[in-house]
């Protein structure tokens, strides 16, 4: 009887290990083969994040370096001052909204 139980446990273990191995996504080892579906989504998300970071990287210093004349430099100044003002307004609006919610709860 013990041998039968040991045999059944070993078979169950073997099937479980084989099932887990089959369920794992296979990475694309060759460039011609497609990656697993989950990996495609991750790559797309990473590319989108990289693009957003590249867009955000434009700083005032970079703009001033690229500007050749005084008019372009003044335009850079105005652009970044306007961005700061927008951020301050957005923060003020959020504070007002949270204050209103707190007052409504009381």
Protein backbone atom coordinates (compact mmCIF):
# COMPACT_ATOMS: atom_id res chain seq x y z
CA UNK A 1 0.00 0.00 0.00
CA UNK A 2 2.84 2.43 0.80
CA UNK A 3 4.42 1.79 -2.57
CA UNK A 4 1.18 2.68 -4.32
CA UNK A 5 0.85 5.92 -2.37
CA UNK A 6 4.48 6.81 -3.10
CA UNK A 7 3.89 6.06 -6.78
CA UNK A 8 0.77 8.26 -6.91
CA UNK A 9 2.56 11.13 -5.10
CA UNK A 10 5.51 10.93 -7.47
CA UNK A 11 3.21 10.92 -10.52
CA UNK A 12 1.28 13.93 -9.16
CA UNK A 13 4.54 15.76 -8.52
CA UNK A 14 5.81 15.02 -12.04
CA UNK A 15 2.58 16.20 -13.64
CA UNK A 16 2.56 19.39 -11.55
CA UNK A 17 6.15 20.25 -12.50
CA UNK A 18 5.43 19.55 -16.17
CA UNK A 19 2.29 21.69 -16.03
CA UNK A 20 4.14 24.64 -14.52
CA UNK A 21 6.89 24.34 -17.12
CA UNK A 22 4.38 24.41 -19.97
CA UNK A 23 2.50 27.36 -18.48
CA UNK A 24 5.57 29.62 -18.40
CA UNK A 25 5.84 32.15 -21.27
CA UNK A 26 8.72 31.42 -23.58
CA UNK A 27 11.10 34.32 -24.28
CA UNK A 28 11.92 35.22 -27.86
CA UNK A 29 15.48 34.04 -28.33
CA UNK A 30 15.74 34.80 -32.01
CA UNK A 31 14.93 38.14 -33.59
CA UNK A 32 12.64 36.56 -36.17
CA UNK A 33 10.38 34.93 -33.59
CA UNK A 34 7.61 36.81 -31.83
CA UNK A 35 7.78 37.29 -28.08
CA UNK A 36 5.15 36.08 -25.66
CA UNK A 37 2.01 38.25 -25.55
CA UNK A 38 2.83 39.70 -22.14
CA UNK A 39 6.28 40.75 -23.26
CA UNK A 40 4.92 42.75 -26.22
CA UNK A 41 2.76 44.81 -23.91
CA UNK A 42 5.65 45.46 -21.55
CA UNK A 43 7.89 46.63 -24.40
CA UNK A 44 5.21 49.00 -25.68
CA UNK A 45 4.68 50.45 -22.21
CA UNK A 46 8.40 50.95 -21.71
CA UNK A 47 8.70 52.70 -25.09
CA UNK A 48 5.80 55.02 -24.22
CA UNK A 49 7.39 55.90 -20.89
CA UNK A 50 10.71 56.62 -22.59
CA UNK A 51 8.98 58.92 -25.08
CA UNK A 52 7.21 60.80 -22.29
CA UNK A 53 10.47 61.23 -20.40
CA UNK A 54 12.15 62.54 -23.55
CA UNK A 55 9.37 65.09 -23.97
CA UNK A 56 9.59 66.19 -20.35
CA UNK A 57 13.36 66.57 -20.47
CA UNK A 58 13.14 69.89 -22.26
CA UNK A 59 14.35 72.27 -19.58
CA UNK A 60 14.82 75.97 -19.41
CA UNK A 61 18.60 75.58 -19.66
CA UNK A 62 18.31 73.51 -22.84
CA UNK A 63 15.97 76.04 -24.36
CA UNK A 64 18.31 78.90 -23.54
CA UNK A 65 21.29 77.04 -25.02
CA UNK A 66 19.41 76.44 -28.25
CA UNK A 67 18.28 80.08 -28.49
CA UNK A 68 20.52 82.14 -30.73
CA UNK A 69 19.15 85.64 -30.21
CA UNK A 70 17.54 87.66 -27.43
CA UNK A 71 14.02 87.22 -28.81
CA UNK A 72 14.29 83.44 -28.65
CA UNK A 73 15.69 83.61 -25.12
CA UNK A 74 12.82 85.84 -24.04
CA UNK A 75 10.36 83.38 -25.55
CA UNK A 76 11.95 80.55 -23.55
CA UNK A 77 11.63 82.59 -20.37
CA UNK A 78 7.95 83.29 -21.04
CA UNK A 79 7.28 79.64 -21.85
CA UNK A 80 8.72 78.31 -18.62
CA UNK A 81 7.22 81.08 -16.48
CA UNK A 82 3.82 80.19 -17.94
CA UNK A 83 4.38 76.50 -17.12
CA UNK A 84 5.21 77.35 -13.51
CA UNK A 85 2.11 79.52 -13.23
CA UNK A 86 -0.06 76.70 -14.60
CA UNK A 87 1.40 74.26 -12.08
CA UNK A 88 0.75 76.67 -9.20
CA UNK A 89 -2.84 77.18 -10.35
CA UNK A 90 -3.38 73.44 -10.60
CA UNK A 91 -2.03 72.92 -7.09
CA UNK A 92 -4.24 75.69 -5.74
CA UNK A 93 -7.30 74.14 -7.40
CA UNK A 94 -6.47 70.74 -5.93
CA UNK A 95 -6.11 72.25 -2.47
CA UNK A 96 -9.45 74.01 -2.84
CA UNK A 97 -11.12 70.80 -3.99
CA UNK A 98 -9.70 68.80 -1.09
CA UNK A 99 -10.70 71.52 1.38
CA UNK A 100 -14.25 71.48 0.00
CA UNK A 101 -14.40 67.70 0.33
CA UNK A 102 -13.22 67.88 3.93
CA UNK A 103 -15.79 70.56 4.71
CA UNK A 104 -18.52 68.48 3.07
CA UNK A 105 -17.59 65.47 5.20
CA UNK A 106 -17.91 67.47 8.41
